[in-house]
Protein backbone atom coordinates (compact mmCIF):
# COMPACT_ATOMS: atom_id res chain seq x y z
CA MET A 1 10.16 -136.05 -223.49
CA THR A 2 8.72 -132.45 -223.35
CA ASN A 3 9.16 -132.35 -227.37
CA SER A 4 7.29 -135.94 -227.80
CA LYS A 5 4.37 -134.57 -225.35
CA SER A 6 3.87 -131.36 -227.85
CA THR A 7 3.92 -133.36 -230.73
CA LEU A 8 1.04 -135.75 -229.48
CA LYS A 9 -1.12 -132.56 -228.05
CA LYS A 10 -0.56 -131.07 -231.93
CA LEU A 11 -1.67 -134.75 -233.27
CA LEU A 12 -4.57 -135.10 -230.86
CA ASN A 13 -5.77 -131.67 -231.57
CA MET A 14 -6.26 -132.27 -235.72
CA ILE A 15 -8.33 -134.66 -234.57
CA GLY A 16 -10.84 -133.50 -231.65
CA LEU A 17 -9.58 -135.07 -229.00
CA GLU A 18 -8.10 -133.48 -225.78
CA LEU A 19 -4.23 -134.58 -223.45
CA ARG A 20 -5.70 -134.16 -219.84
CA ARG A 21 -3.82 -135.43 -216.97
CA ARG A 22 -5.14 -138.29 -215.22
CA ARG A 23 -7.30 -137.05 -212.13
CA LEU A 24 -5.26 -137.95 -209.01
CA THR A 25 -7.49 -140.70 -206.30
CA ILE A 26 -7.26 -140.40 -202.65
CA SER A 27 -4.45 -143.17 -202.32
CA ASP A 28 -2.26 -141.25 -204.96
CA LEU A 29 -2.36 -137.96 -202.48
CA GLN A 30 -1.50 -140.03 -199.35
CA SER A 31 1.38 -141.95 -200.58
CA LEU A 32 3.21 -138.94 -201.90
CA PRO A 33 6.52 -138.49 -200.12
CA ARG A 34 5.25 -136.65 -196.97
CA LEU A 35 6.40 -133.43 -196.26
CA ALA A 36 6.14 -131.18 -193.15
CA THR A 37 3.10 -129.43 -194.61
CA ALA A 38 1.00 -132.49 -194.22
CA GLY A 39 -2.13 -131.88 -191.76
CA SER A 40 -1.73 -128.17 -191.89
CA THR A 41 -4.22 -125.37 -193.99
CA ILE A 42 -3.19 -121.77 -195.02
CA GLU A 43 -6.45 -120.04 -196.13
CA PHE A 44 -6.87 -116.73 -198.21
CA ILE A 45 -9.53 -114.51 -196.50
CA GLY A 46 -10.91 -111.28 -197.59
CA THR A 47 -14.09 -110.02 -199.55
CA PRO A 48 -14.68 -111.09 -203.20
CA GLY A 49 -12.72 -108.22 -205.33
CA VAL A 50 -9.81 -107.31 -202.57
CA GLY A 51 -7.13 -109.34 -204.89
CA LYS A 52 -6.76 -112.77 -203.46
CA THR A 53 -6.98 -114.44 -206.31
CA THR A 54 -4.30 -112.55 -208.14
CA LEU A 55 -2.09 -113.00 -205.01
CA PHE A 56 -2.61 -116.61 -204.64
CA ASN A 57 -1.69 -117.27 -208.39
CA ALA A 58 1.25 -114.74 -207.68
CA CYS A 59 2.30 -117.03 -205.08
CA TRP A 60 1.44 -120.21 -206.49
CA PRO A 61 4.58 -121.19 -208.65
CA SER A 62 6.94 -120.84 -205.43
CA ILE A 63 4.57 -123.01 -202.71
CA LYS A 64 3.10 -125.47 -205.78
CA ASP A 65 6.04 -128.43 -204.48
CA ARG A 66 5.03 -128.57 -200.62
CA TRP A 67 1.58 -128.41 -200.88
CA TYR A 68 -1.79 -129.03 -202.44
CA PHE A 69 -4.77 -127.38 -203.54
CA ARG A 70 -8.73 -127.33 -204.56
CA ASN A 71 -7.63 -128.53 -208.02
CA ASP A 72 -6.20 -131.91 -206.17
CA LEU A 73 -9.68 -132.32 -205.16
CA LYS A 74 -11.80 -132.54 -208.08
CA GLY A 75 -13.09 -136.21 -208.72
CA LEU A 76 -12.41 -137.54 -205.48
CA GLY A 77 -15.38 -139.49 -204.59
CA PRO A 78 -16.69 -139.38 -200.89
CA SER A 79 -14.36 -139.91 -197.72
CA LEU A 80 -14.80 -143.62 -195.90
CA VAL A 81 -13.45 -142.68 -192.89
CA LEU A 82 -14.77 -139.29 -190.90
CA SER A 83 -14.51 -138.01 -187.87
CA GLY A 84 -18.24 -137.62 -186.27
CA SER A 85 -17.90 -133.94 -184.80
CA ILE A 86 -15.93 -132.65 -187.80
CA GLU A 87 -18.81 -134.00 -190.07
CA ARG A 88 -21.69 -132.63 -187.84
CA ILE A 89 -20.05 -129.11 -187.87
CA HIS A 90 -19.72 -129.05 -191.39
CA ARG A 91 -23.34 -130.54 -191.86
CA ASP A 92 -24.81 -127.95 -189.39
CA ILE A 93 -22.59 -125.12 -191.34
CA TYR A 94 -24.21 -125.95 -194.43
CA VAL A 95 -27.83 -126.82 -193.64
CA LYS A 96 -27.73 -123.02 -191.68
CA ARG A 97 -26.47 -121.52 -194.67
CA ILE A 98 -29.22 -123.65 -196.70
CA ASN A 99 -32.03 -122.08 -194.53
CA LEU A 100 -30.40 -118.57 -194.92
CA LEU A 101 -30.79 -118.57 -198.82
CA ASN A 102 -34.39 -120.19 -198.45
CA SER A 103 -35.46 -117.00 -196.52
CA SER A 104 -33.49 -114.50 -198.81
CA ASP A 105 -35.45 -112.61 -201.65
CA LEU A 106 -32.76 -114.27 -204.23
CA ASP A 107 -34.21 -114.98 -207.11
CA PRO A 108 -33.85 -119.20 -208.13
CA TRP A 109 -31.09 -118.80 -210.15
CA GLN A 110 -28.98 -117.13 -207.48
CA SER A 111 -29.72 -119.49 -204.96
CA ILE A 112 -28.95 -122.28 -206.76
CA THR A 113 -25.79 -120.85 -207.67
CA HIS A 114 -24.70 -119.80 -203.93
CA ALA A 115 -26.10 -123.50 -202.98
CA LEU A 116 -23.55 -124.96 -205.40
CA GLN A 117 -20.74 -123.28 -204.44
CA ALA A 118 -21.32 -123.66 -200.63
CA ALA A 119 -21.64 -127.46 -201.07
CA THR A 120 -18.26 -127.54 -202.99
CA VAL A 121 -16.34 -125.71 -200.27
CA ILE A 122 -17.93 -128.08 -197.67
CA TYR A 123 -17.05 -130.91 -199.32
CA GLU A 124 -13.70 -129.71 -199.69
CA SER A 125 -13.08 -128.95 -196.47
CA LEU A 126 -14.81 -131.97 -195.18
CA MET A 127 -12.54 -134.09 -197.23
CA THR A 128 -9.21 -132.27 -195.91
CA SER A 129 -10.32 -132.69 -192.36
CA SER A 130 -11.19 -136.39 -192.59
CA GLN A 131 -8.16 -137.97 -194.50
CA ASP A 132 -4.42 -137.95 -193.62
CA PHE A 133 -2.72 -136.25 -196.78
CA SER A 134 0.57 -136.17 -197.23
CA ARG A 135 0.79 -132.20 -197.67
CA GLY A 136 -0.98 -129.63 -196.22
CA PHE A 137 -3.66 -127.64 -198.37
CA VAL A 138 -3.78 -123.87 -199.52
CA PHE A 139 -7.22 -122.50 -200.65
CA GLU A 140 -7.91 -119.37 -202.08
CA GLU A 141 -11.71 -119.90 -201.77
CA GLY A 142 -11.54 -122.00 -198.35
CA LEU A 143 -14.29 -122.51 -195.89
CA PHE A 144 -13.41 -119.41 -193.56
CA LYS A 145 -13.66 -117.32 -196.44
CA ASN A 146 -16.90 -118.25 -197.40
CA PHE A 147 -18.64 -119.32 -194.13
CA PRO A 148 -17.35 -116.39 -191.87
CA GLU A 149 -20.64 -115.92 -190.46
CA GLU A 150 -21.39 -119.34 -189.43
CA VAL A 151 -18.15 -120.27 -188.26
CA LEU A 152 -17.67 -116.92 -185.48
CA ASN A 153 -21.18 -118.14 -184.36
CA LEU A 154 -19.54 -121.10 -183.51
CA CYS A 155 -19.21 -121.86 -179.74
CA ASP A 156 -14.67 -122.09 -179.11
CA VAL A 157 -15.39 -125.50 -177.46
CA GLU A 158 -16.95 -126.62 -180.95
CA ALA A 159 -15.10 -125.02 -183.22
CA ALA A 160 -11.87 -125.67 -181.68
CA PRO A 161 -11.27 -128.75 -184.18
CA LEU A 162 -11.95 -126.17 -187.77
CA TRP A 163 -9.44 -123.88 -185.83
CA GLU A 164 -6.34 -126.50 -185.63
CA ASN A 165 -3.12 -126.47 -187.72
CA ARG A 166 -4.69 -123.59 -189.78
CA ALA A 167 -2.82 -120.17 -190.45
CA PHE A 168 -4.49 -117.47 -192.62
CA VAL A 169 -3.75 -114.49 -194.95
CA TYR A 170 -5.73 -112.19 -195.11
CA LEU A 171 -6.20 -109.21 -197.64
CA ARG A 172 -7.74 -106.26 -196.42
CA ALA A 173 -8.14 -103.07 -198.36
CA ARG A 174 -7.41 -99.67 -196.18
CA ASP A 175 -9.96 -98.13 -198.66
CA PRO A 176 -13.13 -100.18 -200.08
CA ASP A 177 -14.08 -98.40 -202.83
CA ILE A 178 -10.83 -99.92 -204.15
CA VAL A 179 -12.26 -103.49 -203.63
CA LEU A 180 -16.01 -101.88 -205.24
CA THR A 181 -14.13 -100.85 -208.46
CA ARG A 182 -12.25 -104.13 -208.92
CA PHE A 183 -15.11 -105.87 -208.42
CA GLN A 184 -17.25 -104.19 -210.72
CA LEU A 185 -14.41 -104.67 -213.77
CA ARG A 186 -14.12 -108.50 -212.77
CA SER A 187 -17.72 -108.68 -213.12
CA ASP A 188 -18.17 -106.57 -216.25
CA GLU A 189 -14.96 -108.91 -217.35
CA ARG A 190 -17.17 -112.35 -217.05
CA ARG A 191 -20.30 -110.69 -218.72
CA ASN A 192 -18.02 -109.56 -221.70
CA ARG A 193 -16.95 -113.31 -221.84
CA LYS A 194 -20.42 -114.59 -222.03
CA ILE A 195 -20.06 -115.97 -217.99
CA PHE A 196 -23.06 -116.07 -215.98
CA GLN A 197 -23.08 -112.44 -213.79
CA HIS A 198 -25.53 -111.44 -211.20
CA CYS A 199 -25.27 -107.54 -211.78
CA GLN A 200 -25.21 -105.44 -208.80
CA PRO A 201 -25.98 -101.83 -208.07
CA ASP A 202 -22.66 -100.20 -206.33
CA TYR A 203 -24.72 -99.67 -203.42
CA GLU A 204 -25.70 -103.12 -202.64
CA VAL A 205 -21.85 -103.76 -203.09
CA ARG A 206 -20.13 -101.41 -201.01
CA SER A 207 -22.55 -103.00 -198.32
CA ARG A 208 -21.19 -106.72 -198.84
CA ILE A 209 -17.76 -105.39 -198.84
CA ASP A 210 -18.33 -103.18 -195.40
CA ALA A 211 -20.27 -106.12 -193.69
CA ASP A 212 -17.23 -108.92 -195.02
CA ILE A 213 -14.72 -106.57 -193.49
CA ARG A 214 -16.10 -106.33 -190.23
CA LEU A 215 -16.68 -110.28 -190.43
CA PHE A 216 -12.96 -110.88 -191.71
CA ASP A 217 -11.69 -108.08 -188.56
CA GLN A 218 -13.28 -110.53 -186.38
CA MET A 219 -12.32 -113.72 -187.52
CA LEU A 220 -8.59 -112.20 -187.41
CA GLU A 221 -9.43 -111.49 -183.48
CA LYS A 222 -10.60 -115.28 -183.24
CA ALA A 223 -7.72 -116.23 -185.01
CA LYS A 224 -5.44 -114.77 -182.03
CA VAL A 225 -7.71 -116.58 -179.45
CA PHE A 226 -6.95 -119.92 -181.00
CA ALA A 227 -3.06 -119.16 -181.94
CA CYS A 228 -3.05 -119.47 -185.66
CA PRO A 229 -0.36 -117.41 -187.80
CA LEU A 230 -1.64 -115.17 -189.70
CA ILE A 231 -0.68 -112.12 -192.17
CA VAL A 232 -2.60 -109.38 -192.94
CA ILE A 233 -1.64 -107.72 -196.50
CA ASN A 234 -2.91 -104.42 -197.59
CA ALA A 235 -4.90 -104.56 -200.85
CA GLU A 236 -3.00 -101.62 -201.76
CA ASP A 237 0.31 -102.86 -201.48
CA ARG A 238 2.29 -103.77 -204.63
CA LEU A 239 1.71 -107.29 -205.81
CA GLN A 240 5.57 -108.21 -205.95
CA ASP A 241 5.74 -107.04 -202.31
CA ALA A 242 2.60 -108.97 -200.72
CA VAL A 243 4.25 -112.16 -202.86
CA LYS A 244 7.29 -111.65 -201.19
CA ASP A 245 5.69 -111.21 -197.77
CA VAL A 246 3.27 -114.12 -198.52
CA LEU A 247 5.75 -116.65 -199.09
CA LYS A 248 8.17 -115.50 -196.01
CA PHE A 249 5.28 -115.89 -193.75
CA GLU A 250 4.48 -119.41 -195.70
CA ARG A 251 8.20 -120.47 -195.03
CA SER A 252 7.95 -119.29 -191.13
CA LEU A 253 5.21 -121.71 -190.56
CA SER A 254 5.46 -124.44 -187.95
CA PHE A 255 2.42 -125.84 -186.51
């Protein structure tokens, strides 16, 4: 079967076509065998450049059969069943971010880029919050990572539904300069690949890193208030050790 697929793919490439997996629908994501992870969410949090995506990608092969991911939400239409309070909370968070962008000194392209990214994350969070899927979700780019200040500014009663059945992998650097170096190297790599990347001087990146760390440290304390499972991984740790710790944490979860 594998050889047949490989041959078909080569033939399609010869005539300029591409073999793609059919997009899943909401019904597909709901109809697969129900697992114990259903209804729960794991989110990786931490400042950009700290290594979340690298750690997530290293963990993915070991968890892919128990969870859904961002890619599984691509192409899904809007949910027809929404919780009024959940919908309102997401709308208010998004509006606050847009108002902040409107009052910032970012250039138009930066504002548009941030607004698009924000809309995608809000949509994904609203989708997973309003549907009963047969598996839980693991996000390396989720609501709490992208909207930490807005979430923390909610009162506990209002925010409670967002924290329910949620666990966190917090990747934190003891030395922020490590994050600064990683972030700038990644930015240079993206520019070399002709991918649009805003240029930021070191002092701006360092200021943002320090602010992020303060916010995510506050989020760590708030997660304890809501009794959310969490693990803190040091960015300086060996990747192999960090992966082992995250996988052990994932297996121990019981919401």
